[in-house]
Amino acid sequence: MSSESFLPAGAHNQTDVYAVHGADPEVLAYAMAKYSRSALSMRESLAEISAQRAEQFLNTFYFQYGHRSIADLAHIAFAVERLSLLAAIVLVDEQRWDGQERSTRYQNFQKSGWYFPDFGSDSASASLYTGTIDQLFATYQRVTAAVHDALKQRVACPETMKPDAYDRTLKARAFDVARYLLPLATNTSLGQIVNARTLETQVSRLLSHPIAEVRDLGKKLRDASTGPAWNVNTKFGAAFVEKLERVLQEKGTGFSPYVREQQNTGASAPEGTLAAEAAALLTREVRTAPTLVKYAEPNAYVTQTRADIEQAAAELLNGIEIAPAPVVDLVERTESLEAELAATLIYSGSHHPYRQIRDIVAGLPANRVSEIIEVGLKHRGKHDEALRAFHAGAALRFDILMDIGGFRDMHRHRRVTQIMQGFTSQHGYDTPHSGDIAGLEEAGVLSEYQQAIVSAHAASAKIAAGSAPEAPQSALYLLPLATRVRCLFKMDFAEAQYISELRSGPAGHFSYRNVAWEMFLALQRQYPSLAKYIRATDYTKPIDLLQR
């Protein structure tokens, strides 16, 4: 006899586990939320639910009672196509985000096109913008070809490797170099899967952004969430319904019993027929988040606080030059938690290194530090989460200054708190170099590369000085991925270990390989007894270029 036979009354040892597929996101969220309010099983909840009932439930418990955790249960997939690299960086800047973007390593971005801001009547800026973009893409194409040829001269194809795989691998290495020339205006595409709570926050954040393209992206995300979704099965479902309808017309059978007398008289899929029932099931309109995202609006807390922080940073750092800083600076903890919060807020509204700001803030009177913290909280509404700058207290703080292209790879690490500064040409640009690849000088295109970057920075500065309200934002699109950007990464030891090991591997891009190696060295200097447990790959040693 089984042990079940000896269970006392009311005892159940048989756990039931089953995957759920086919429920609309909000309906599924409703069914899962009912576990806390009903004894029904998931099967029973989904069997008796409707989209209308889900909307009523969510309107009550999500909006009236503030049960935002319900939105964590509705996951929605999006395709976001033909947006600029600049907008993509802003879009994916979520700590709870899953997705994939077009790779600058495996695709030729010459074919993707680019974003053109609205210059209004400023035809001179529009012409300068277009000419600069054309020059960058032309140089991108020539550098790709030149580096690819140089690599083929240096690295022979092994007998064990197929020629197409060899060529594809070396072309990826060439793209690693050429991508430095891609402007932030370059179009890309991405897919994301997020829960509705993250989506609502994301949409609100995008709608609050100073750049027009990003605000428009927020509107489109909200519309895509609340409007009809593209259903991959609709085409096949419609074809099946049409086929079913023809068969039923030919045989004169198959109608639902209660409308059998309503034989088809020529109209398509009369109400009540099997064909109509199939159409209602297979081609119905699905709206993924018609309730949970419909009220997402610009966030006044974010917009007002952004302006106040920038003003506070300008006042505090007035006349203070940006201090030189290494690629990676592991800023040891010497300040109070209050000083860290204030320094992080100032950092987010400036272009100075974190160590420099931290030392300035640490020397301020306590009441002045409190005033800076107040700037970050005084506009906070009832349901607003505190700004990311308030995610303080992490043991390790890496202030990293690197090219935008490499930053996009580091940006994927979502278990860390990232405080990103704005794009600027003030930090200069990187020139790709590594003993492991064919460099620009070897390929004979170093001078052309440098001239293209310098010209792009000059054009960006000229456009930024224009009279149009969004001229400074429009100018950012001309910054190539070679342009340096600063970002503060706060994390624990486990994440520092993970990044150092993963990103220093030989298959990676040399830019973030260098950053990961410098992170390891910084840890080694400050925590030698812990660094010995990190399996980082020495960036300074040669690698096999054909290893992917």
Protein backbone atom coordinates (compact mmCIF):
# COMPACT_ATOMS: atom_id res chain seq x y z
CA MET A 1 0.00 0.00 0.00
CA SER A 2 1.19 3.53 -0.71
CA SER A 3 1.97 5.99 2.05
CA GLU A 4 -1.06 8.01 0.85
CA SER A 5 -3.31 5.35 2.36
CA PHE A 6 -2.08 6.23 5.86
CA LEU A 7 -2.47 10.02 5.61
CA PRO A 8 -4.78 11.54 8.21
CA ALA A 9 -7.89 13.31 7.07
CA GLY A 10 -7.16 16.62 5.41
CA ALA A 11 -3.53 15.77 4.60
CA HIS A 12 -2.38 15.96 0.94
CA ASN A 13 1.13 15.01 -0.17
CA GLN A 14 0.61 15.17 -3.94
CA THR A 15 1.97 18.49 -5.24
CA ASP A 16 0.47 19.50 -8.57
CA VAL A 17 2.78 21.35 -10.98
CA TYR A 18 1.75 22.43 -14.47
CA ALA A 19 2.81 25.07 -16.96
CA VAL A 20 0.24 27.63 -18.09
CA HIS A 21 0.08 28.85 -21.68
CA GLY A 22 -2.39 30.86 -23.73
CA ALA A 23 -3.80 33.24 -21.13
CA ASP A 24 -3.61 36.98 -21.81
CA PRO A 25 -1.05 38.73 -19.55
CA GLU A 26 -3.57 40.67 -17.46
CA VAL A 27 -5.91 37.68 -17.19
CA LEU A 28 -3.02 35.54 -15.97
CA ALA A 29 -2.01 38.24 -13.46
CA TYR A 30 -5.59 38.29 -12.18
CA ALA A 31 -5.66 34.50 -11.83
CA MET A 32 -2.38 34.46 -9.91
CA ALA A 33 -3.44 37.34 -7.69
CA LYS A 34 -6.54 35.37 -6.76
CA TYR A 35 -4.38 32.87 -4.87
CA SER A 36 -4.29 35.43 -2.06
CA ARG A 37 -8.05 35.99 -2.13
CA SER A 38 -9.60 32.69 -3.24
CA ALA A 39 -9.19 28.94 -2.73
CA LEU A 40 -9.66 28.29 -6.46
CA SER A 41 -6.93 26.50 -8.40
CA MET A 42 -5.25 28.19 -11.37
CA ARG A 43 -7.28 26.01 -13.76
CA GLU A 44 -10.52 26.99 -12.02
CA SER A 45 -9.61 30.69 -11.92
CA LEU A 46 -8.73 30.83 -15.61
CA ALA A 47 -11.82 28.83 -16.58
CA GLU A 48 -14.22 31.31 -14.97
CA ILE A 49 -12.42 34.56 -15.77
CA SER A 50 -12.89 37.05 -18.58
CA ALA A 51 -10.87 40.07 -19.70
CA GLN A 52 -13.67 42.32 -18.45
CA ARG A 53 -13.58 40.80 -14.97
CA ALA A 54 -9.79 41.07 -14.91
CA GLU A 55 -10.04 44.78 -15.73
CA GLN A 56 -12.58 45.34 -12.95
CA PHE A 57 -10.36 43.50 -10.47
CA LEU A 58 -7.23 45.41 -11.46
CA ASN A 59 -8.98 48.77 -11.39
CA THR A 60 -9.91 48.05 -7.78
CA PHE A 61 -6.84 46.39 -6.31
CA TYR A 62 -4.11 47.93 -8.48
CA PHE A 63 -5.14 51.54 -8.75
CA GLN A 64 -7.39 52.07 -5.72
CA TYR A 65 -5.50 49.98 -3.18
CA GLY A 66 -1.99 50.34 -4.65
CA HIS A 67 -1.26 46.60 -4.90
CA ARG A 68 1.50 47.09 -7.50
CA SER A 69 2.88 43.59 -6.96
CA ILE A 70 -0.05 42.32 -9.07
CA ALA A 71 1.54 43.94 -12.13
CA ASP A 72 4.69 41.87 -11.52
CA LEU A 73 2.64 38.85 -12.64
CA ALA A 74 1.82 40.14 -16.14
CA HIS A 75 4.76 39.74 -18.51
CA ILE A 76 4.62 41.30 -21.97
CA ALA A 77 6.91 40.90 -24.99
CA PHE A 78 7.65 43.87 -27.26
CA ALA A 79 9.53 44.41 -30.48
CA VAL A 80 10.99 47.92 -30.67
CA GLU A 81 12.37 48.54 -34.14
CA ARG A 82 14.18 51.42 -35.82
CA LEU A 83 15.04 53.44 -32.74
CA SER A 84 18.35 55.25 -32.32
CA LEU A 85 21.20 53.84 -30.25
CA LEU A 86 20.72 56.82 -27.96
CA ALA A 87 17.05 55.98 -27.38
CA ALA A 88 17.89 52.30 -26.95
CA ILE A 89 20.36 53.08 -24.15
CA VAL A 90 17.67 55.09 -22.36
CA LEU A 91 14.98 52.46 -22.98
CA VAL A 92 16.92 49.54 -21.49
CA ASP A 93 18.07 51.49 -18.42
CA GLU A 94 15.86 49.41 -16.13
CA GLN A 95 17.09 47.21 -13.29
CA ARG A 96 14.28 44.71 -13.96
CA TRP A 97 14.63 44.23 -17.71
CA ASP A 98 15.07 41.27 -20.05
CA GLY A 99 15.77 41.60 -23.74
CA GLN A 100 18.18 41.47 -26.66
CA GLU A 101 19.40 44.18 -28.99
CA ARG A 102 20.99 44.08 -32.43
CA SER A 103 24.69 43.38 -32.06
CA THR A 104 27.28 45.79 -33.45
CA ARG A 105 29.58 42.78 -33.69
CA TYR A 106 27.51 40.51 -35.92
CA GLN A 107 25.59 42.96 -38.10
CA ASN A 108 26.61 45.66 -40.53
CA PHE A 109 24.97 48.83 -39.23
CA GLN A 110 25.58 50.59 -42.52
CA LYS A 111 22.21 49.18 -43.59
CA SER A 112 20.19 50.20 -40.54
CA GLY A 113 19.69 53.90 -41.27
CA TRP A 114 19.74 56.69 -38.70
CA TYR A 115 17.52 59.06 -36.74
CA PHE A 116 16.97 62.65 -37.88
CA PRO A 117 15.84 65.12 -35.17
CA ASP A 118 13.50 68.00 -35.88
CA PHE A 119 15.65 71.07 -36.59
CA GLY A 120 12.69 73.27 -37.49
CA SER A 121 13.85 76.17 -39.63
CA ASP A 122 17.54 75.69 -38.78
CA SER A 123 18.57 74.35 -42.18
CA ALA A 124 22.29 74.96 -41.49
CA SER A 125 22.24 72.61 -38.50
CA ALA A 126 20.22 70.05 -40.45
CA SER A 127 22.76 70.13 -43.28
CA LEU A 128 25.73 69.87 -40.91
CA TYR A 129 24.04 66.98 -39.10
CA THR A 130 23.40 65.05 -42.31
CA GLY A 131 26.91 65.64 -43.66
CA THR A 132 28.50 64.49 -40.40
CA ILE A 133 26.41 61.32 -40.30
CA ASP A 134 27.33 60.51 -43.91
CA GLN A 135 31.02 60.99 -43.14
CA LEU A 136 30.89 58.73 -40.08
CA PHE A 137 29.14 55.94 -41.96
CA ALA A 138 31.51 56.20 -44.91
CA THR A 139 34.48 55.95 -42.56
CA TYR A 140 32.78 53.07 -40.73
CA GLN A 141 32.52 51.17 -44.00
CA ARG A 142 36.15 51.82 -45.00
CA VAL A 143 37.51 50.94 -41.54
CA THR A 144 35.53 47.68 -41.48
CA ALA A 145 36.98 46.62 -44.83
CA ALA A 146 40.53 47.76 -44.00
CA VAL A 147 40.69 46.03 -40.61
CA HIS A 148 39.11 42.88 -42.04
CA ASP A 149 41.77 42.75 -44.75
CA ALA A 150 44.54 43.38 -42.21
CA LEU A 151 43.26 40.56 -40.02
CA LYS A 152 43.24 38.15 -42.93
CA GLN A 153 46.85 39.11 -43.63
CA ARG A 154 47.84 38.37 -40.02
CA VAL A 155 45.67 35.38 -39.09
CA ALA A 156 45.68 32.31 -41.33
CA CYS A 157 42.63 30.09 -41.62
CA PRO A 158 43.22 26.80 -39.73
CA GLU A 159 42.71 23.61 -41.70
CA THR A 160 40.09 22.53 -39.17
CA MET A 161 37.99 25.69 -39.67
CA LYS A 162 35.54 26.23 -42.50
CA PRO A 163 36.31 29.29 -44.66
CA ASP A 164 32.90 30.91 -44.05
CA ALA A 165 33.28 30.52 -40.26
CA TYR A 166 36.80 31.97 -40.49
CA ASP A 167 35.62 34.95 -42.50
CA ARG A 168 32.62 35.51 -40.25
CA THR A 169 34.79 35.47 -37.13
CA LEU A 170 37.31 37.94 -38.52
CA LYS A 171 34.53 40.19 -39.76
CA ALA A 172 33.12 40.28 -36.21
CA ARG A 173 36.55 41.35 -34.96
CA ALA A 174 36.62 44.07 -37.64
CA PHE A 175 33.17 45.28 -36.55
CA ASP A 176 34.57 45.47 -33.00
CA VAL A 177 36.90 48.20 -34.25
CA ALA A 178 34.61 49.93 -36.73
CA ARG A 179 31.71 50.28 -34.28
CA TYR A 180 33.58 53.14 -32.57
CA LEU A 181 32.51 55.29 -35.52
CA LEU A 182 28.78 54.62 -35.27
CA PRO A 183 26.95 57.77 -34.12
CA LEU A 184 24.27 57.61 -31.45
CA ALA A 185 21.81 58.44 -34.24
CA THR A 186 22.33 54.96 -35.73
CA ASN A 187 19.14 52.91 -35.84
CA THR A 188 18.92 49.64 -33.98
CA SER A 189 16.17 47.20 -32.97
CA LEU A 190 15.52 45.26 -29.81
CA GLY A 191 13.10 42.91 -28.15
CA GLN A 192 12.13 43.18 -24.50
CA ILE A 193 10.09 41.11 -22.07
CA VAL A 194 9.07 43.00 -18.95
CA ASN A 195 6.41 42.78 -16.31
CA ALA A 196 3.68 45.39 -16.30
CA ARG A 197 5.01 47.17 -13.22
CA THR A 198 8.41 47.67 -14.85
CA LEU A 199 6.64 48.68 -18.07
CA GLU A 200 4.56 51.32 -16.31
CA THR A 201 7.70 52.76 -14.69
CA GLN A 202 9.57 52.58 -17.99
CA VAL A 203 6.85 54.37 -19.94
CA SER A 204 6.59 57.12 -17.31
CA ARG A 205 10.37 57.56 -17.31
CA LEU A 206 10.52 57.80 -21.09
CA LEU A 207 7.66 60.31 -21.17
CA SER A 208 9.66 62.45 -18.71
CA HIS A 209 12.84 62.52 -20.79
CA PRO A 210 14.19 65.77 -22.32
CA ILE A 211 14.76 64.16 -25.76
CA ALA A 212 11.78 64.16 -28.15
CA GLU A 213 12.48 60.74 -29.68
CA VAL A 214 12.54 59.15 -26.23
CA ARG A 215 9.25 60.81 -25.22
CA ASP A 216 7.67 59.60 -28.46
CA LEU A 217 8.97 56.10 -27.71
CA GLY A 218 7.21 56.21 -24.35
CA LYS A 219 3.92 57.05 -26.05
CA LYS A 220 4.35 54.23 -28.55
CA LEU A 221 5.08 51.72 -25.80
CA ARG A 222 1.97 52.79 -23.93
CA ASP A 223 -0.13 52.56 -27.10
CA ALA A 224 1.29 49.12 -27.90
CA SER A 225 0.46 47.96 -24.38
CA THR A 226 -3.12 49.17 -24.36
CA GLY A 227 -3.96 48.65 -28.03
CA PRO A 228 -4.30 45.47 -30.12
CA ALA A 229 -1.17 43.30 -30.04
CA TRP A 230 0.33 41.66 -33.09
CA ASN A 231 -0.67 38.00 -32.79
CA VAL A 232 1.68 35.56 -34.52
CA ASN A 233 -1.16 33.05 -34.95
CA THR A 234 -3.75 35.40 -36.45
CA LYS A 235 -2.77 34.75 -40.08
CA PHE A 236 -2.84 31.00 -39.63
CA GLY A 237 -6.05 31.19 -37.62
CA ALA A 238 -7.76 33.26 -40.32
CA ALA A 239 -6.67 30.79 -43.01
CA PHE A 240 -8.06 27.91 -40.95
CA VAL A 241 -11.37 29.72 -40.39
CA GLU A 242 -11.69 30.41 -44.13
CA LYS A 243 -11.00 26.78 -44.92
CA LEU A 244 -13.48 25.62 -42.30
CA GLU A 245 -16.14 27.97 -43.64
CA ARG A 246 -15.72 26.59 -47.19
CA VAL A 247 -16.02 23.01 -45.98
CA LEU A 248 -19.16 23.79 -43.99
CA GLN A 249 -20.74 25.59 -46.94
CA GLU A 250 -20.00 22.68 -49.24
CA LYS A 251 -21.42 20.06 -46.88
CA GLY A 252 -24.17 22.15 -45.39
CA THR A 253 -23.37 20.69 -41.99
CA GLY A 254 -21.37 21.54 -38.96
CA PHE A 255 -23.40 24.49 -37.70
CA SER A 256 -24.08 24.81 -34.00
CA PRO A 257 -27.41 23.05 -33.19
CA TYR A 258 -29.16 26.18 -31.95
CA VAL A 259 -28.61 27.94 -35.28
CA ARG A 260 -28.72 24.99 -37.65
CA GLU A 261 -31.73 26.52 -39.36
CA GLN A 262 -29.64 29.61 -40.15
CA GLN A 263 -27.89 27.96 -43.06
CA ASN A 264 -25.31 30.12 -44.77
CA THR A 265 -26.96 32.28 -47.43
CA GLY A 266 -23.81 33.80 -48.76
CA ALA A 267 -22.71 35.96 -45.85
CA SER A 268 -19.31 35.15 -44.34
CA ALA A 269 -19.29 33.12 -41.14
CA PRO A 270 -22.83 33.77 -39.84
CA GLU A 271 -23.10 34.29 -36.10
CA GLY A 272 -23.37 31.00 -34.24
CA THR A 273 -21.70 28.84 -36.87
CA LEU A 274 -18.66 26.74 -36.13
CA ALA A 275 -16.68 29.02 -38.42
CA ALA A 276 -17.70 32.08 -36.43
CA GLU A 277 -16.88 30.34 -33.17
CA ALA A 278 -13.47 29.36 -34.56
CA ALA A 279 -12.86 32.93 -35.72
CA ALA A 280 -13.73 34.28 -32.26
CA LEU A 281 -11.21 31.90 -30.73
CA LEU A 282 -8.38 32.00 -33.27
CA THR A 283 -8.44 35.57 -34.57
CA ARG A 284 -9.70 37.51 -31.58
CA GLU A 285 -8.12 40.83 -30.70
CA VAL A 286 -5.69 40.67 -27.77
CA ARG A 287 -4.63 43.67 -25.70
CA THR A 288 -1.70 42.79 -23.48
CA ALA A 289 -2.01 45.45 -20.77
CA PRO A 290 -5.15 47.51 -21.39
CA THR A 291 -5.52 48.31 -17.69
CA LEU A 292 -2.12 48.25 -15.97
CA VAL A 293 -0.34 50.82 -18.16
CA LYS A 294 -3.15 53.09 -19.30
CA TYR A 295 -2.49 55.75 -16.67
CA ALA A 296 1.29 55.99 -17.19
CA GLU A 297 2.14 59.67 -17.53
CA PRO A 298 5.23 61.90 -17.29
CA ASN A 299 6.67 61.85 -13.78
CA ALA A 300 6.85 65.34 -12.26
CA TYR A 301 9.15 64.07 -9.49
CA VAL A 302 11.72 62.96 -12.06
CA THR A 303 11.58 66.07 -14.26
CA GLN A 304 11.60 68.59 -11.42
CA THR A 305 14.31 66.79 -9.47
CA ARG A 306 16.52 66.40 -12.55
CA ALA A 307 16.56 70.18 -13.04
CA ASP A 308 17.19 70.86 -9.34
CA ILE A 309 20.06 68.36 -9.16
CA GLU A 310 21.75 69.82 -12.23
CA GLN A 311 21.46 73.28 -10.69
CA ALA A 312 22.84 72.07 -7.34
CA ALA A 313 25.74 70.33 -9.11
CA ALA A 314 26.51 73.45 -11.16
CA GLU A 315 26.60 75.58 -8.02
CA LEU A 316 28.72 73.16 -5.99
CA LEU A 317 31.22 72.48 -8.79
CA ASN A 318 31.33 75.99 -10.23
CA GLY A 319 34.87 76.78 -11.35
CA ILE A 320 36.18 73.33 -10.41
CA GLU A 321 37.81 71.55 -13.34
CA ILE A 322 37.09 67.89 -14.02
CA ALA A 323 39.89 65.95 -12.34
CA PRO A 324 41.84 63.34 -14.30
CA ALA A 325 40.65 59.83 -13.57
CA PRO A 326 41.64 56.28 -14.56
CA VAL A 327 39.45 54.02 -16.70
CA VAL A 328 38.37 52.22 -13.52
CA ASP A 329 38.48 53.78 -10.05
CA LEU A 330 37.42 51.61 -7.12
CA VAL A 331 36.45 54.35 -4.67
CA GLU A 332 37.04 53.09 -1.15
CA ARG A 333 34.43 53.86 1.51
CA THR A 334 35.59 56.67 3.79
CA GLU A 335 32.48 58.85 3.91
CA SER A 336 29.20 58.60 5.81
CA LEU A 337 26.05 57.22 4.23
CA GLU A 338 24.67 60.76 4.11
CA ALA A 339 27.74 61.97 2.23
CA GLU A 340 27.46 59.06 -0.21
CA LEU A 341 23.84 59.90 -0.98
CA ALA A 342 24.60 63.57 -1.53
CA ALA A 343 27.70 62.81 -3.62
CA THR A 344 25.78 60.36 -5.80
CA LEU A 345 23.05 62.91 -6.47
CA ILE A 346 25.63 65.54 -7.49
CA TYR A 347 27.44 62.94 -9.60
CA SER A 348 24.25 62.18 -11.55
CA GLY A 349 23.92 65.83 -12.56
CA SER A 350 27.54 66.51 -13.49
CA HIS A 351 30.50 65.17 -15.48
CA HIS A 352 33.05 65.06 -12.62
CA PRO A 353 34.54 61.82 -11.21
CA TYR A 354 32.87 60.29 -8.19
CA ARG A 355 36.03 60.41 -6.05
CA GLN A 356 36.42 64.13 -6.69
CA ILE A 357 32.76 64.82 -5.83
CA ARG A 358 32.83 62.52 -2.80
CA ASP A 359 35.83 64.37 -1.33
CA ILE A 360 34.17 67.75 -1.90
CA VAL A 361 30.87 66.66 -0.34
CA ALA A 362 32.59 64.94 2.59
CA GLY A 363 34.14 68.28 3.49
CA LEU A 364 30.80 70.13 3.58
CA PRO A 365 28.96 70.97 6.81
CA ALA A 366 26.31 68.44 7.82
CA ASN A 367 23.47 70.86 7.14
CA ARG A 368 24.70 71.45 3.57
CA VAL A 369 24.85 67.70 2.95
CA SER A 370 21.27 67.41 4.22
CA GLU A 371 20.18 70.17 1.86
CA ILE A 372 21.57 68.24 -1.13
CA ILE A 373 19.75 65.09 -0.04
CA GLU A 374 16.56 67.12 0.34
CA VAL A 375 16.91 68.20 -3.30
CA GLY A 376 16.52 64.55 -4.31
CA LEU A 377 13.38 63.99 -2.25
CA LYS A 378 11.38 67.19 -1.92
CA HIS A 379 9.32 66.62 -5.09
CA ARG A 380 8.63 62.94 -4.38
CA GLY A 381 4.96 62.04 -4.74
CA LYS A 382 2.90 59.55 -2.76
CA HIS A 383 3.57 56.61 -5.07
CA ASP A 384 7.03 57.59 -6.39
CA GLU A 385 10.00 55.37 -5.69
CA ALA A 386 13.08 57.30 -4.58
CA LEU A 387 15.60 58.00 -7.33
CA ARG A 388 18.18 55.36 -8.14
CA ALA A 389 20.82 57.56 -6.51
CA PHE A 390 19.34 56.54 -3.15
CA HIS A 391 20.36 52.92 -3.71
CA ALA A 392 23.34 53.49 -1.46
CA GLY A 393 25.41 51.38 0.90
CA ALA A 394 27.05 48.92 -1.53
CA ALA A 395 30.54 47.89 -0.45
CA LEU A 396 32.15 48.32 -3.89
CA ARG A 397 31.84 51.47 -6.02
CA PHE A 398 33.55 51.40 -9.43
CA ASP A 399 33.64 54.74 -11.23
CA ILE A 400 34.20 53.78 -14.87
CA LEU A 401 35.11 56.05 -17.78
CA MET A 402 34.91 54.17 -21.09
CA ASP A 403 33.72 54.40 -24.67
CA ILE A 404 29.95 54.39 -25.17
CA GLY A 405 30.13 51.20 -27.26
CA GLY A 406 31.80 49.26 -24.44
CA PHE A 407 29.47 50.85 -21.89
CA ARG A 408 26.49 49.38 -23.76
CA ASP A 409 27.88 45.94 -22.92
CA MET A 410 28.52 46.82 -19.27
CA HIS A 411 25.04 48.33 -19.13
CA ARG A 412 23.57 44.81 -19.33
CA HIS A 413 24.62 44.01 -15.76
CA ARG A 414 21.37 44.67 -13.95
CA ARG A 415 22.25 43.31 -10.52
CA VAL A 416 24.32 46.43 -9.91
CA THR A 417 23.19 49.99 -9.27
CA GLN A 418 24.23 52.14 -12.22
CA ILE A 419 24.36 55.93 -11.97
CA MET A 420 25.03 57.10 -15.50
CA GLN A 421 26.09 60.63 -16.33
CA GLY A 422 24.88 62.40 -19.46
CA PHE A 423 26.57 62.07 -22.83
CA THR A 424 29.22 64.69 -23.55
CA SER A 425 32.35 65.19 -25.63
CA GLN A 426 34.18 66.69 -22.63
CA HIS A 427 35.91 63.40 -21.82
CA GLY A 428 37.28 62.94 -25.33
CA TYR A 429 37.20 59.63 -27.14
CA ASP A 430 38.90 56.24 -27.25
CA THR A 431 40.98 54.91 -30.11
CA PRO A 432 40.63 51.12 -30.40
CA HIS A 433 43.92 49.41 -29.75
CA SER A 434 44.91 45.96 -28.62
CA GLY A 435 47.82 43.64 -29.27
CA ASP A 436 45.25 40.98 -30.09
CA ILE A 437 43.70 42.64 -33.13
CA ALA A 438 44.77 44.44 -36.23
CA GLY A 439 44.87 48.09 -35.17
CA LEU A 440 43.85 51.14 -37.11
CA GLU A 441 47.45 52.08 -37.80
CA GLU A 442 48.25 48.64 -39.15
CA ALA A 443 45.16 48.84 -41.35
CA GLY A 444 46.22 52.28 -42.59
CA VAL A 445 43.10 54.14 -41.41
CA LEU A 446 44.17 55.70 -38.08
CA SER A 447 44.29 59.27 -39.39
CA GLU A 448 40.94 58.92 -41.14
CA TYR A 449 39.38 57.51 -37.96
CA GLN A 450 40.67 60.34 -35.77
CA GLN A 451 39.59 63.01 -38.24
CA ALA A 452 36.05 61.57 -38.41
CA ILE A 453 35.70 61.53 -34.60
CA VAL A 454 37.10 65.03 -34.13
CA SER A 455 34.85 66.39 -36.89
CA ALA A 456 31.79 64.75 -35.33
CA HIS A 457 32.55 66.25 -31.91
CA ALA A 458 33.04 69.70 -33.47
CA ALA A 459 29.77 69.44 -35.40
CA SER A 460 27.95 68.30 -32.26
CA ALA A 461 29.24 71.32 -30.34
CA LYS A 462 28.21 73.69 -33.13
CA ILE A 463 24.68 72.28 -33.30
CA ALA A 464 24.35 72.34 -29.49
CA ALA A 465 25.02 76.09 -29.56
CA GLY A 466 22.02 76.66 -31.85
CA SER A 467 18.92 78.57 -30.87
CA ALA A 468 16.38 75.72 -31.15
CA PRO A 469 14.99 74.56 -27.75
CA GLU A 470 16.16 70.98 -28.26
CA ALA A 471 19.47 71.86 -29.97
CA PRO A 472 21.61 70.48 -27.09
CA GLN A 473 19.72 67.17 -27.19
CA SER A 474 19.79 66.93 -30.99
CA ALA A 475 23.56 67.46 -30.94
CA LEU A 476 24.06 64.32 -28.83
CA TYR A 477 23.04 62.10 -31.75
CA LEU A 478 26.29 62.98 -33.55
CA LEU A 479 28.52 61.60 -30.79
CA PRO A 480 30.20 58.41 -32.03
CA LEU A 481 30.41 55.29 -29.86
CA ALA A 482 34.11 56.10 -29.38
CA THR A 483 33.05 59.01 -27.14
CA ARG A 484 33.77 58.38 -23.48
CA VAL A 485 30.96 58.25 -20.94
CA ARG A 486 31.19 58.01 -17.16
CA CYS A 487 29.08 55.69 -15.03
CA LEU A 488 29.19 54.69 -11.37
CA PHE A 489 28.65 50.97 -10.76
CA LYS A 490 27.75 50.01 -7.17
CA MET A 491 27.78 46.31 -6.33
CA ASP A 492 28.64 43.53 -3.90
CA PHE A 493 31.65 41.22 -4.15
CA ALA A 494 29.78 38.42 -5.93
CA GLU A 495 28.82 40.72 -8.80
CA ALA A 496 32.33 42.17 -9.05
CA GLN A 497 33.65 38.63 -9.25
CA TYR A 498 31.09 37.72 -11.92
CA ILE A 499 31.80 40.76 -14.13
CA SER A 500 35.57 40.41 -13.81
CA GLU A 501 35.44 36.78 -14.85
CA LEU A 502 32.79 36.99 -17.57
CA ARG A 503 33.82 40.22 -19.29
CA SER A 504 37.57 39.58 -19.28
CA GLY A 505 37.17 36.38 -21.32
CA PRO A 506 38.99 36.15 -24.68
CA ALA A 507 35.77 36.02 -26.75
CA GLY A 508 34.65 39.46 -25.61
CA HIS A 509 35.14 42.93 -27.05
CA PHE A 510 38.55 44.33 -26.12
CA SER A 511 37.01 47.49 -24.63
CA TYR A 512 35.05 45.79 -21.85
CA ARG A 513 37.74 43.12 -21.50
CA ASN A 514 40.07 45.93 -20.49
CA VAL A 515 37.51 47.36 -18.04
CA ALA A 516 36.88 43.95 -16.45
CA TRP A 517 40.62 43.38 -16.06
CA GLU A 518 41.08 46.82 -14.49
CA MET A 519 38.22 46.03 -12.08
CA PHE A 520 40.06 42.88 -11.05
CA LEU A 521 43.33 44.77 -10.56
CA ALA A 522 41.57 47.39 -8.44
CA LEU A 523 40.07 44.64 -6.27
CA GLN A 524 43.46 42.99 -6.05
CA ARG A 525 45.03 46.20 -4.73
CA GLN A 526 42.37 46.84 -2.10
CA TYR A 527 41.32 43.29 -1.22
CA PRO A 528 44.25 40.96 -2.08
CA SER A 529 42.95 38.12 0.09
CA LEU A 530 39.65 38.10 -1.85
CA ALA A 531 40.95 38.79 -5.35
CA LYS A 532 42.73 35.43 -5.42
CA TYR A 533 39.30 33.80 -5.75
CA ILE A 534 38.51 35.63 -9.01
CA ARG A 535 39.31 33.75 -12.23
CA ALA A 536 39.88 36.78 -14.44
CA THR A 537 41.65 36.51 -17.82
CA ASP A 538 44.76 38.65 -18.13
CA TYR A 539 43.92 41.31 -20.70
CA THR A 540 47.58 41.98 -21.43
CA LYS A 541 48.27 38.46 -22.71
CA PRO A 542 47.67 37.44 -26.36
CA ILE A 543 44.48 35.57 -27.21
CA ASP A 544 43.33 33.39 -30.09
CA LEU A 545 41.46 35.76 -32.40
CA LEU A 546 39.45 32.88 -33.83
CA GLN A 547 38.11 31.87 -30.43
CA ARG A 548 34.50 33.03 -30.07
